[in-house]
PDB file of N, CA and C in Angstrom:
ATOM      1  N   UNK A   1       6.539  69.968 -38.634  1.00  0.00           N
ATOM      2  CA  UNK A   1       5.187  69.807 -38.491  1.00  0.00           C
ATOM      3  C   UNK A   1       4.934  68.813 -37.419  1.00  0.00           C
ATOM      4  N   UNK A   2       3.945  69.008 -36.610  1.00  0.00           N
ATOM      5  CA  UNK A   2       3.693  68.296 -35.505  1.00  0.00           C
ATOM      6  C   UNK A   2       2.771  67.405 -35.792  1.00  0.00           C
ATOM      7  N   UNK A   3       2.890  66.272 -35.317  1.00  0.00           N
ATOM      8  CA  UNK A   3       1.789  65.184 -35.327  1.00  0.00           C
ATOM      9  C   UNK A   3       0.651  65.176 -34.518  1.00  0.00           C
ATOM     10  N   UNK A   4      -0.408  65.072 -35.230  1.00  0.00           N
ATOM     11  CA  UNK A   4      -1.636  65.142 -34.415  1.00  0.00           C
ATOM     12  C   UNK A   4      -2.014  63.771 -33.830  1.00  0.00           C
ATOM     13  N   UNK A   5      -3.026  63.773 -33.142  1.00  0.00           N
ATOM     14  CA  UNK A   5      -3.570  62.535 -32.397  1.00  0.00           C
ATOM     15  C   UNK A   5      -4.180  61.591 -33.558  1.00  0.00           C
ATOM     16  N   UNK A   6      -4.910  62.100 -34.562  1.00  0.00           N
ATOM     17  CA  UNK A   6      -5.492  61.552 -35.637  1.00  0.00           C
ATOM     18  C   UNK A   6      -4.268  60.736 -36.503  1.00  0.00           C
ATOM     19  N   UNK A   7      -3.256  61.592 -36.754  1.00  0.00           N
ATOM     20  CA  UNK A   7      -2.329  60.884 -37.695  1.00  0.00           C
ATOM     21  C   UNK A   7      -1.697  59.858 -36.903  1.00  0.00           C
ATOM     22  N   UNK A   8      -1.524  59.737 -35.420  1.00  0.00           N
ATOM     23  CA  UNK A   8      -0.950  58.689 -34.925  1.00  0.00           C
ATOM     24  C   UNK A   8      -1.810  57.677 -34.869  1.00  0.00           C
ATOM     25  N   UNK A   9      -3.018  57.734 -34.579  1.00  0.00           N
ATOM     26  CA  UNK A   9      -4.194  56.594 -34.621  1.00  0.00           C
ATOM     27  C   UNK A   9      -4.134  56.056 -35.979  1.00  0.00           C
ATOM     28  N   UNK A  10      -4.096  56.865 -37.164  1.00  0.00           N
ATOM     29  CA  UNK A  10      -4.075  56.265 -38.391  1.00  0.00           C
ATOM     30  C   UNK A  10      -2.744  55.557 -38.607  1.00  0.00           C
ATOM     31  N   UNK A  11      -1.798  55.976 -38.289  1.00  0.00           N
ATOM     32  CA  UNK A  11      -0.424  55.084 -38.461  1.00  0.00           C
ATOM     33  C   UNK A  11      -0.466  53.645 -37.710  1.00  0.00           C
ATOM     34  N   UNK A  12      -0.992  53.812 -36.434  1.00  0.00           N
ATOM     35  CA  UNK A  12      -1.218  52.673 -35.759  1.00  0.00           C
ATOM     36  C   UNK A  12      -2.175  51.622 -36.341  1.00  0.00           C
ATOM     37  N   UNK A  13      -3.277  52.207 -37.145  1.00  0.00           N
ATOM     38  CA  UNK A  13      -4.285  51.371 -37.742  1.00  0.00           C
ATOM     39  C   UNK A  13      -3.638  50.886 -38.790  1.00  0.00           C
ATOM     40  N   UNK A  14      -2.970  51.429 -39.481  1.00  0.00           N
ATOM     41  CA  UNK A  14      -2.303  50.935 -40.816  1.00  0.00           C
ATOM     42  C   UNK A  14      -1.293  49.678 -40.379  1.00  0.00           C
ATOM     43  N   UNK A  15      -0.557  50.221 -39.208  1.00  0.00           N
ATOM     44  CA  UNK A  15       0.377  49.193 -38.870  1.00  0.00           C
ATOM     45  C   UNK A  15      -0.168  47.874 -38.411  1.00  0.00           C
ATOM     46  N   UNK A  16      -1.569  48.156 -37.600  1.00  0.00           N
ATOM     47  CA  UNK A  16      -2.231  46.984 -37.068  1.00  0.00           C
ATOM     48  C   UNK A  16      -2.766  46.173 -38.242  1.00  0.00           C
ATOM     49  N   UNK A  17      -3.167  46.644 -39.447  1.00  0.00           N
ATOM     50  CA  UNK A  17      -3.503  45.941 -40.442  1.00  0.00           C
ATOM     51  C   UNK A  17      -2.517  44.998 -41.147  1.00  0.00           C
ATOM     52  N   UNK A  18      -1.226  45.733 -41.208  1.00  0.00           N
ATOM     53  CA  UNK A  18      -0.047  45.203 -41.843  1.00  0.00           C
ATOM     54  C   UNK A  18       0.396  43.867 -41.112  1.00  0.00           C
ATOM     55  N   UNK A  19       0.133  44.044 -39.627  1.00  0.00           N
ATOM     56  CA  UNK A  19       0.538  43.015 -38.917  1.00  0.00           C
ATOM     57  C   UNK A  19      -0.426  41.798 -38.948  1.00  0.00           C
ATOM     58  N   UNK A  20      -1.579  42.187 -38.945  1.00  0.00           N
ATOM     59  CA  UNK A  20      -2.772  41.145 -39.117  1.00  0.00           C
ATOM     60  C   UNK A  20      -2.797  40.279 -40.394  1.00  0.00           C
ATOM     61  N   UNK A  21      -2.101  41.007 -41.334  1.00  0.00           N
ATOM     62  CA  UNK A  21      -2.012  40.252 -42.687  1.00  0.00           C
ATOM     63  C   UNK A  21      -0.885  39.360 -42.804  1.00  0.00           C
ATOM     64  N   UNK A  22      -0.109  39.384 -41.945  1.00  0.00           N
ATOM     65  CA  UNK A  22       1.168  38.372 -41.888  1.00  0.00           C
ATOM     66  C   UNK A  22       0.641  37.216 -41.467  1.00  0.00           C
ATOM     67  N   UNK A  23       1.357  36.163 -41.905  1.00  0.00           N
ATOM     68  CA  UNK A  23       0.864  34.702 -41.578  1.00  0.00           C
ATOM     69  C   UNK A  23       1.255  34.590 -40.119  1.00  0.00           C
ATOM     70  N   UNK A  24       0.226  33.874 -39.406  1.00  0.00           N
ATOM     71  CA  UNK A  24       0.346  33.828 -37.892  1.00  0.00           C
ATOM     72  C   UNK A  24       1.064  32.685 -37.460  1.00  0.00           C
ATOM     73  N   UNK A  25       1.374  31.748 -38.298  1.00  0.00           N
ATOM     74  CA  UNK A  25       2.155  30.672 -37.829  1.00  0.00           C
ATOM     75  C   UNK A  25       2.971  30.070 -39.053  1.00  0.00           C
ATOM     76  N   UNK A  26       3.635  29.065 -38.753  1.00  0.00           N
ATOM     77  CA  UNK A  26       4.410  28.407 -39.988  1.00  0.00           C
ATOM     78  C   UNK A  26       3.361  27.907 -40.961  1.00  0.00           C
ATOM     79  N   UNK A  27       4.013  27.890 -42.074  1.00  0.00           N
ATOM     80  CA  UNK A  27       3.034  27.498 -43.206  1.00  0.00           C
ATOM     81  C   UNK A  27       2.843  25.936 -43.173  1.00  0.00           C
ATOM     82  N   UNK A  28       1.967  25.307 -43.874  1.00  0.00           N
ATOM     83  CA  UNK A  28       1.650  23.893 -43.823  1.00  0.00           C
ATOM     84  C   UNK A  28       2.895  23.149 -44.193  1.00  0.00           C
ATOM     85  N   UNK A  29       3.538  23.538 -45.239  1.00  0.00           N
ATOM     86  CA  UNK A  29       4.693  22.753 -45.771  1.00  0.00           C
ATOM     87  C   UNK A  29       5.843  22.932 -44.584  1.00  0.00           C
ATOM     88  N   UNK A  30       6.019  23.969 -43.995  1.00  0.00           N
ATOM     89  CA  UNK A  30       6.875  23.848 -42.942  1.00  0.00           C
ATOM     90  C   UNK A  30       6.741  23.135 -41.690  1.00  0.00           C
ATOM     91  N   UNK A  31       5.367  23.034 -41.138  1.00  0.00           N
ATOM     92  CA  UNK A  31       5.205  22.131 -40.331  1.00  0.00           C
ATOM     93  C   UNK A  31       4.995  20.693 -40.583  1.00  0.00           C
ATOM     94  N   UNK A  32       4.771  20.305 -42.007  1.00  0.00           N
ATOM     95  CA  UNK A  32       5.035  18.935 -42.386  1.00  0.00           C
ATOM     96  C   UNK A  32       6.363  18.508 -42.345  1.00  0.00           C
ATOM     97  N   UNK A  33       7.232  19.471 -42.906  1.00  0.00           N
ATOM     98  CA  UNK A  33       8.704  18.931 -42.957  1.00  0.00           C
ATOM     99  C   UNK A  33       9.275  18.918 -41.432  1.00  0.00           C
ATOM    100  N   UNK A  34       8.798  19.832 -40.500  1.00  0.00           N
ATOM    101  CA  UNK A  34       9.249  19.664 -39.142  1.00  0.00           C
ATOM    102  C   UNK A  34       8.733  18.302 -38.672  1.00  0.00           C
ATOM    103  N   UNK A  35       7.417  17.882 -38.913  1.00  0.00           N
ATOM    104  CA  UNK A  35       6.967  16.628 -38.416  1.00  0.00           C
ATOM    105  C   UNK A  35       7.746  15.287 -38.865  1.00  0.00           C
ATOM    106  N   UNK A  36       8.086  15.570 -40.201  1.00  0.00           N
ATOM    107  CA  UNK A  36       8.837  14.386 -40.925  1.00  0.00           C
ATOM    108  C   UNK A  36      10.230  14.488 -40.377  1.00  0.00           C
ATOM    109  N   UNK A  37      10.883  15.667 -39.910  1.00  0.00           N
ATOM    110  CA  UNK A  37      12.205  15.505 -39.368  1.00  0.00           C
ATOM    111  C   UNK A  37      12.212  14.906 -37.917  1.00  0.00           C
ATOM    112  N   UNK A  38      11.058  15.312 -37.105  1.00  0.00           N
ATOM    113  CA  UNK A  38      10.910  14.745 -35.845  1.00  0.00           C
ATOM    114  C   UNK A  38      10.503  13.176 -36.047  1.00  0.00           C
ATOM    115  N   UNK A  39       9.678  12.726 -36.898  1.00  0.00           N
ATOM    116  CA  UNK A  39       9.530  11.267 -37.024  1.00  0.00           C
ATOM    117  C   UNK A  39      10.929  10.564 -37.470  1.00  0.00           C
ATOM    118  N   UNK A  40      11.655  11.295 -38.261  1.00  0.00           N
ATOM    119  CA  UNK A  40      12.980  10.408 -38.606  1.00  0.00           C
ATOM    120  C   UNK A  40      13.873  10.501 -37.393  1.00  0.00           C
ATOM    121  N   UNK A  41      13.902  11.471 -36.582  1.00  0.00           N
ATOM    122  CA  UNK A  41      14.663  11.379 -35.462  1.00  0.00           C
ATOM    123  C   UNK A  41      14.299  10.289 -34.420  1.00  0.00           C
ATOM    124  N   UNK A  42      12.892  10.438 -34.386  1.00  0.00           N
ATOM    125  CA  UNK A  42      12.294   9.342 -33.516  1.00  0.00           C
ATOM    126  C   UNK A  42      12.674   7.937 -34.064  1.00  0.00           C
ATOM    127  N   UNK A  43      12.369   7.470 -35.145  1.00  0.00           N
ATOM    128  CA  UNK A  43      12.872   6.231 -35.662  1.00  0.00           C
ATOM    129  C   UNK A  43      14.262   6.007 -35.465  1.00  0.00           C
ATOM    130  N   UNK A  44      15.168   6.789 -35.601  1.00  0.00           N
ATOM    131  CA  UNK A  44      16.696   6.859 -35.555  1.00  0.00           C
ATOM    132  C   UNK A  44      16.880   6.440 -33.935  1.00  0.00           C
ATOM    133  N   UNK A  45      16.201   6.949 -33.121  1.00  0.00           N
ATOM    134  CA  UNK A  45      16.474   6.762 -31.758  1.00  0.00           C
ATOM    135  C   UNK A  45      15.819   5.356 -31.323  1.00  0.00           C
ATOM    136  N   UNK A  46      14.765   5.021 -31.739  1.00  0.00           N
ATOM    137  CA  UNK A  46      14.231   3.748 -31.504  1.00  0.00           C
ATOM    138  C   UNK A  46      14.995   2.641 -32.038  1.00  0.00           C
ATOM    139  N   UNK A  47      15.667   2.734 -33.225  1.00  0.00           N
ATOM    140  CA  UNK A  47      16.589   1.940 -33.734  1.00  0.00           C
ATOM    141  C   UNK A  47      17.902   1.725 -33.065  1.00  0.00           C
ATOM    142  N   UNK A  48      18.315   2.932 -32.454  1.00  0.00           N
ATOM    143  CA  UNK A  48      19.702   2.913 -31.614  1.00  0.00           C
ATOM    144  C   UNK A  48      19.315   2.068 -30.232  1.00  0.00           C
ATOM    145  N   UNK A  49      18.085   2.270 -29.777  1.00  0.00           N
ATOM    146  CA  UNK A  49      17.724   1.544 -28.525  1.00  0.00           C
ATOM    147  C   UNK A  49      17.389   0.127 -28.750  1.00  0.00           C
ATOM    148  N   UNK A  50      16.968  -0.266 -29.988  1.00  0.00           N
ATOM    149  CA  UNK A  50      16.882  -1.811 -30.243  1.00  0.00           C
ATOM    150  C   UNK A  50      18.204  -2.251 -30.544  1.00  0.00           C
ATOM    151  N   UNK A  51      19.235  -1.667 -31.166  1.00  0.00           N
ATOM    152  CA  UNK A  51      20.536  -2.331 -31.405  1.00  0.00           C
ATOM    153  C   UNK A  51      21.111  -2.361 -29.902  1.00  0.00           C
ATOM    154  N   UNK A  52      21.085  -1.547 -29.069  1.00  0.00           N
ATOM    155  CA  UNK A  52      21.543  -1.581 -27.645  1.00  0.00           C
ATOM    156  C   UNK A  52      21.123  -2.797 -26.974  1.00  0.00           C
ATOM    157  N   UNK A  53      19.771  -3.015 -27.064  1.00  0.00           N
ATOM    158  CA  UNK A  53      19.134  -4.154 -26.475  1.00  0.00           C
ATOM    159  C   UNK A  53      19.636  -5.468 -26.957  1.00  0.00           C
ATOM    160  N   UNK A  54      19.786  -5.473 -28.342  1.00  0.00           N
ATOM    161  CA  UNK A  54      20.040  -6.662 -28.958  1.00  0.00           C
ATOM    162  C   UNK A  54      21.476  -7.164 -28.955  1.00  0.00           C
ATOM    163  N   UNK A  55      22.425  -5.947 -28.754  1.00  0.00           N
ATOM    164  CA  UNK A  55      23.908  -6.434 -28.903  1.00  0.00           C
ATOM    165  C   UNK A  55      24.350  -6.382 -27.302  1.00  0.00           C
ATOM    166  N   UNK A  56      24.094  -5.694 -26.490  1.00  0.00           N
ATOM    167  CA  UNK A  56      24.261  -5.456 -25.217  1.00  0.00           C
ATOM    168  C   UNK A  56      23.493  -6.449 -24.113  1.00  0.00           C
ATOM    169  N   UNK A  57      22.335  -5.851 -24.065  1.00  0.00           N
ATOM    170  CA  UNK A  57      21.634  -6.314 -22.917  1.00  0.00           C
ATOM    171  C   UNK A  57      21.041  -7.868 -23.096  1.00  0.00           C
ATOM    172  N   UNK A  58      20.508  -8.295 -24.325  1.00  0.00           N
ATOM    173  CA  UNK A  58      20.199  -9.803 -24.508  1.00  0.00           C
ATOM    174  C   UNK A  58      21.317 -10.795 -24.127  1.00  0.00           C
ATOM    175  N   UNK A  59      22.451 -10.367 -24.816  1.00  0.00           N
ATOM    176  CA  UNK A  59      23.502 -11.404 -24.589  1.00  0.00           C
ATOM    177  C   UNK A  59      23.930 -11.408 -23.076  1.00  0.00           C
ATOM    178  N   UNK A  60      24.080 -10.179 -22.241  1.00  0.00           N
ATOM    179  CA  UNK A  60      24.251 -10.184 -21.110  1.00  0.00           C
ATOM    180  C   UNK A  60      23.244 -10.859 -20.033  1.00  0.00           C
ATOM    181  N   UNK A  61      22.158 -10.762 -20.123  1.00  0.00           N
ATOM    182  CA  UNK A  61      20.906 -11.555 -19.572  1.00  0.00           C
ATOM    183  C   UNK A  61      21.122 -12.993 -19.860  1.00  0.00           C
ATOM    184  N   UNK A  62      21.220 -13.473 -21.134  1.00  0.00           N
ATOM    185  CA  UNK A  62      21.426 -14.784 -21.544  1.00  0.00           C
ATOM    186  C   UNK A  62      22.579 -15.342 -20.716  1.00  0.00           C
ATOM    187  N   UNK A  63      23.636 -14.958 -20.871  1.00  0.00           N
ATOM    188  CA  UNK A  63      24.895 -15.418 -20.336  1.00  0.00           C
ATOM    189  C   UNK A  63      24.639 -15.596 -18.757  1.00  0.00           C
ATOM    190  N   UNK A  64      24.150 -14.448 -18.127  1.00  0.00           N
ATOM    191  CA  UNK A  64      23.754 -14.612 -16.671  1.00  0.00           C
ATOM    192  C   UNK A  64      22.851 -15.710 -16.266  1.00  0.00           C
ATOM    193  N   UNK A  65      21.850 -15.803 -17.025  1.00  0.00           N
ATOM    194  CA  UNK A  65      20.651 -16.923 -16.840  1.00  0.00           C
ATOM    195  C   UNK A  65      21.298 -18.208 -17.206  1.00  0.00           C
ATOM    196  N   UNK A  66      22.179 -18.393 -18.290  1.00  0.00           N
ATOM    197  CA  UNK A  66      22.812 -19.659 -18.400  1.00  0.00           C
ATOM    198  C   UNK A  66      23.717 -20.140 -17.368  1.00  0.00           C
ATOM    199  N   UNK A  67      24.738 -19.229 -16.898  1.00  0.00           N
ATOM    200  CA  UNK A  67      25.471 -19.495 -15.636  1.00  0.00           C
ATOM    201  C   UNK A  67      24.692 -19.862 -14.334  1.00  0.00           C
ATOM    202  N   UNK A  68      23.634 -19.198 -14.075  1.00  0.00           N
ATOM    203  CA  UNK A  68      22.843 -19.385 -12.907  1.00  0.00           C
ATOM    204  C   UNK A  68      22.178 -20.900 -13.114  1.00  0.00           C
ATOM    205  N   UNK A  69      21.776 -21.118 -14.201  1.00  0.00           N
ATOM    206  CA  UNK A  69      20.957 -22.451 -14.494  1.00  0.00           C
ATOM    207  C   UNK A  69      21.939 -23.557 -14.296  1.00  0.00           C
ATOM    208  N   UNK A  70      23.093 -23.457 -15.030  1.00  0.00           N
ATOM    209  CA  UNK A  70      24.277 -24.366 -14.967  1.00  0.00           C
ATOM    210  C   UNK A  70      24.639 -24.576 -13.437  1.00  0.00           C
ATOM    211  N   UNK A  71      24.907 -23.624 -12.814  1.00  0.00           N
ATOM    212  CA  UNK A  71      25.316 -23.841 -11.223  1.00  0.00           C
ATOM    213  C   UNK A  71      24.137 -24.530 -10.650  1.00  0.00           C
ATOM    214  N   UNK A  72      22.978 -24.124 -10.697  1.00  0.00           N
ATOM    215  CA  UNK A  72      21.869 -24.806 -10.183  1.00  0.00           C
ATOM    216  C   UNK A  72      21.834 -26.408 -10.579  1.00  0.00           C
ATOM    217  N   UNK A  73      21.885 -26.613 -11.696  1.00  0.00           N
ATOM    218  CA  UNK A  73      21.904 -28.085 -12.204  1.00  0.00           C
ATOM    219  C   UNK A  73      22.938 -28.963 -11.686  1.00  0.00           C
ATOM    220  N   UNK A  74      24.274 -28.223 -11.526  1.00  0.00           N
ATOM    221  CA  UNK A  74      25.569 -28.924 -11.339  1.00  0.00           C
ATOM    222  C   UNK A  74      25.344 -29.321  -9.670  1.00  0.00           C
ATOM    223  N   UNK A  75      24.887 -28.292  -8.955  1.00  0.00           N
ATOM    224  CA  UNK A  75      24.581 -28.411  -7.394  1.00  0.00           C
ATOM    225  C   UNK A  75      23.552 -29.559  -7.376  1.00  0.00           C
ATOM    226  N   UNK A  76      22.382 -29.495  -8.035  1.00  0.00           N
ATOM    227  CA  UNK A  76      21.560 -30.702  -8.048  1.00  0.00           C
ATOM    228  C   UNK A  76      22.069 -32.049  -8.255  1.00  0.00           C
ATOM    229  N   UNK A  77      22.958 -31.990  -9.334  1.00  0.00           N
ATOM    230  CA  UNK A  77      23.562 -33.357  -9.888  1.00  0.00           C
ATOM    231  C   UNK A  77      24.483 -33.831  -8.941  1.00  0.00           C
ATOM    232  N   UNK A  78      25.236 -33.054  -8.240  1.00  0.00           N
ATOM    233  CA  UNK A  78      26.169 -33.339  -7.105  1.00  0.00           C
ATOM    234  C   UNK A  78      25.409 -34.024  -6.078  1.00  0.00           C
ATOM    235  N   UNK A  79      24.210 -33.577  -5.659  1.00  0.00           N
ATOM    236  CA  UNK A  79      23.395 -33.882  -4.550  1.00  0.00           C
ATOM    237  C   UNK A  79      22.587 -35.091  -4.674  1.00  0.00           C
ATOM    238  N   UNK A  80      22.053 -35.381  -5.980  1.00  0.00           N
ATOM    239  CA  UNK A  80      21.254 -36.397  -6.303  1.00  0.00           C
ATOM    240  C   UNK A  80      21.706 -37.491  -7.278  1.00  0.00           C
ATOM    241  N   UNK A  81      22.761 -37.119  -8.217  1.00  0.00           N
ATOM    242  CA  UNK A  81      23.277 -37.990  -9.097  1.00  0.00           C
ATOM    243  C   UNK A  81      22.188 -38.125 -10.298  1.00  0.00           C
ATOM    244  N   UNK A  82      22.333 -39.112 -11.119  1.00  0.00           N
ATOM    245  CA  UNK A  82      21.385 -39.379 -12.240  1.00  0.00           C
ATOM    246  C   UNK A  82      20.273 -40.230 -11.829  1.00  0.00           C
ATOM    247  N   UNK A  83      19.545 -39.835 -10.923  1.00  0.00           N
ATOM    248  CA  UNK A  83      18.433 -40.674 -10.225  1.00  0.00           C
ATOM    249  C   UNK A  83      16.974 -39.980 -10.986  1.00  0.00           C
ATOM    250  N   UNK A  84      16.001 -40.595 -10.472  1.00  0.00           N
ATOM    251  CA  UNK A  84      14.731 -40.005 -10.877  1.00  0.00           C
ATOM    252  C   UNK A  84      14.359 -38.776 -10.085  1.00  0.00           C
ATOM    253  N   UNK A  85      15.018 -38.756  -8.946  1.00  0.00           N
ATOM    254  CA  UNK A  85      15.011 -37.430  -8.029  1.00  0.00           C
ATOM    255  C   UNK A  85      15.561 -36.285  -8.773  1.00  0.00           C
ATOM    256  N   UNK A  86      16.490 -36.410  -9.473  1.00  0.00           N
ATOM    257  CA  UNK A  86      17.091 -35.431 -10.182  1.00  0.00           C
ATOM    258  C   UNK A  86      16.064 -34.839 -11.440  1.00  0.00           C
ATOM    259  N   UNK A  87      15.395 -35.513 -12.038  1.00  0.00           N
ATOM    260  CA  UNK A  87      14.429 -35.169 -13.140  1.00  0.00           C
ATOM    261  C   UNK A  87      13.135 -34.715 -12.685  1.00  0.00           C
ATOM    262  N   UNK A  88      12.575 -35.457 -11.661  1.00  0.00           N
ATOM    263  CA  UNK A  88      11.263 -35.425 -11.225  1.00  0.00           C
ATOM    264  C   UNK A  88      11.042 -34.629  -9.912  1.00  0.00           C
ATOM    265  N   UNK A  89      12.064 -34.588  -9.149  1.00  0.00           N
ATOM    266  CA  UNK A  89      12.045 -33.880  -7.874  1.00  0.00           C
ATOM    267  C   UNK A  89      11.692 -34.853  -6.793  1.00  0.00           C
ATOM    268  N   UNK A  90      12.283 -34.776  -5.564  1.00  0.00           N
ATOM    269  CA  UNK A  90      12.121 -35.493  -4.603  1.00  0.00           C
ATOM    270  C   UNK A  90      10.727 -35.689  -4.029  1.00  0.00           C
ATOM    271  N   UNK A  91       9.887 -34.684  -3.976  1.00  0.00           N
ATOM    272  CA  UNK A  91       8.464 -34.850  -3.478  1.00  0.00           C
ATOM    273  C   UNK A  91       7.773 -35.843  -4.471  1.00  0.00           C
ATOM    274  N   UNK A  92       7.974 -35.737  -5.870  1.00  0.00           N
ATOM    275  CA  UNK A  92       7.295 -36.536  -6.834  1.00  0.00           C
ATOM    276  C   UNK A  92       7.744 -37.973  -6.564  1.00  0.00           C
ATOM    277  N   UNK A  93       8.908 -38.155  -6.461  1.00  0.00           N
ATOM    278  CA  UNK A  93       9.480 -39.582  -6.395  1.00  0.00           C
ATOM    279  C   UNK A  93       9.087 -40.098  -4.957  1.00  0.00           C
ATOM    280  N   UNK A  94       8.890 -39.405  -3.981  1.00  0.00           N
ATOM    281  CA  UNK A  94       8.315 -40.034  -2.568  1.00  0.00           C
ATOM    282  C   UNK A  94       6.869 -40.263  -2.945  1.00  0.00           C
ATOM    283  N   UNK A  95       6.139 -39.703  -3.451  1.00  0.00           N
ATOM    284  CA  UNK A  95       4.580 -39.803  -3.849  1.00  0.00           C
ATOM    285  C   UNK A  95       4.578 -41.137  -4.728  1.00  0.00           C
ATOM    286  N   UNK A  96       5.643 -41.172  -5.763  1.00  0.00           N
ATOM    287  CA  UNK A  96       5.535 -42.399  -6.611  1.00  0.00           C
ATOM    288  C   UNK A  96       5.786 -43.606  -5.761  1.00  0.00           C
ATOM    289  N   UNK A  97       6.888 -43.553  -4.774  1.00  0.00           N
ATOM    290  CA  UNK A  97       7.146 -44.822  -4.218  1.00  0.00           C
ATOM    291  C   UNK A  97       6.105 -45.232  -3.304  1.00  0.00           C
ATOM    292  N   UNK A  98       5.544 -44.158  -2.433  1.00  0.00           N
ATOM    293  CA  UNK A  98       4.503 -44.294  -1.612  1.00  0.00           C
ATOM    294  C   UNK A  98       3.179 -45.014  -2.445  1.00  0.00           C
ATOM    295  N   UNK A  99       2.867 -44.489  -3.561  1.00  0.00           N
ATOM    296  CA  UNK A  99       1.819 -45.250  -4.383  1.00  0.00           C
ATOM    297  C   UNK A  99       2.126 -46.596  -4.802  1.00  0.00           C
ATOM    298  N   UNK A 100       3.402 -46.811  -5.210  1.00  0.00           N
ATOM    299  CA  UNK A 100       3.853 -48.149  -5.372  1.00  0.00           C
ATOM    300  C   UNK A 100       3.811 -49.083  -4.336  1.00  0.00           C
ATOM    301  N   UNK A 101       4.134 -48.537  -3.039  1.00  0.00           N
ATOM    302  CA  UNK A 101       4.160 -49.356  -1.833  1.00  0.00           C
ATOM    303  C   UNK A 101       2.751 -49.764  -1.498  1.00  0.00           C
ATOM    304  N   UNK A 102       1.922 -48.838  -1.575  1.00  0.00           N
ATOM    305  CA  UNK A 102       0.453 -49.103  -1.412  1.00  0.00           C
ATOM    306  C   UNK A 102      -0.145 -50.040  -2.246  1.00  0.00           C
ATOM    307  N   UNK A 103       0.199 -50.103  -3.599  1.00  0.00           N
ATOM    308  CA  UNK A 103      -0.203 -51.118  -4.470  1.00  0.00           C
ATOM    309  C   UNK A 103       0.283 -52.492  -4.206  1.00  0.00           C
ATOM    310  N   UNK A 104       1.553 -52.564  -3.617  1.00  0.00           N
ATOM    311  CA  UNK A 104       2.360 -53.676  -3.372  1.00  0.00           C
ATOM    312  C   UNK A 104       1.728 -54.376  -2.231  1.00  0.00           C
ATOM    313  N   UNK A 105       0.883 -53.760  -1.472  1.00  0.00           N
ATOM    314  CA  UNK A 105       0.287 -54.418  -0.184  1.00  0.00           C
ATOM    315  C   UNK A 105      -0.890 -55.269  -0.737  1.00  0.00           C
ATOM    316  N   UNK A 106      -1.401 -54.958  -1.763  1.00  0.00           N
ATOM    317  CA  UNK A 106      -2.672 -55.776  -2.206  1.00  0.00           C
ATOM    318  C   UNK A 106      -2.287 -56.726  -3.256  1.00  0.00           C
TER     319      UNK A 106
END
């Protein structure tokens, strides 16, 4: 038996109604579960990054800054000794001495 054009259109219409009755996307529970899974992954990655910073980066930076400042202080101590210039700076000491000399004139 040959199919007529009307039969083909009827079958297409019924197929179209079946397809339109199917859910168009994931259900609400599936999307909530997906969001929860993604949030859990994000939290784990943030925690891993925090651990890397705390365990590797901060000690490395602290060690580097400590050595730099110790080298600078030792070099300053060798040049000036334990004088007022070491603690206050040469410019401040010069200014204080000039003020003291100015007051001693009167």
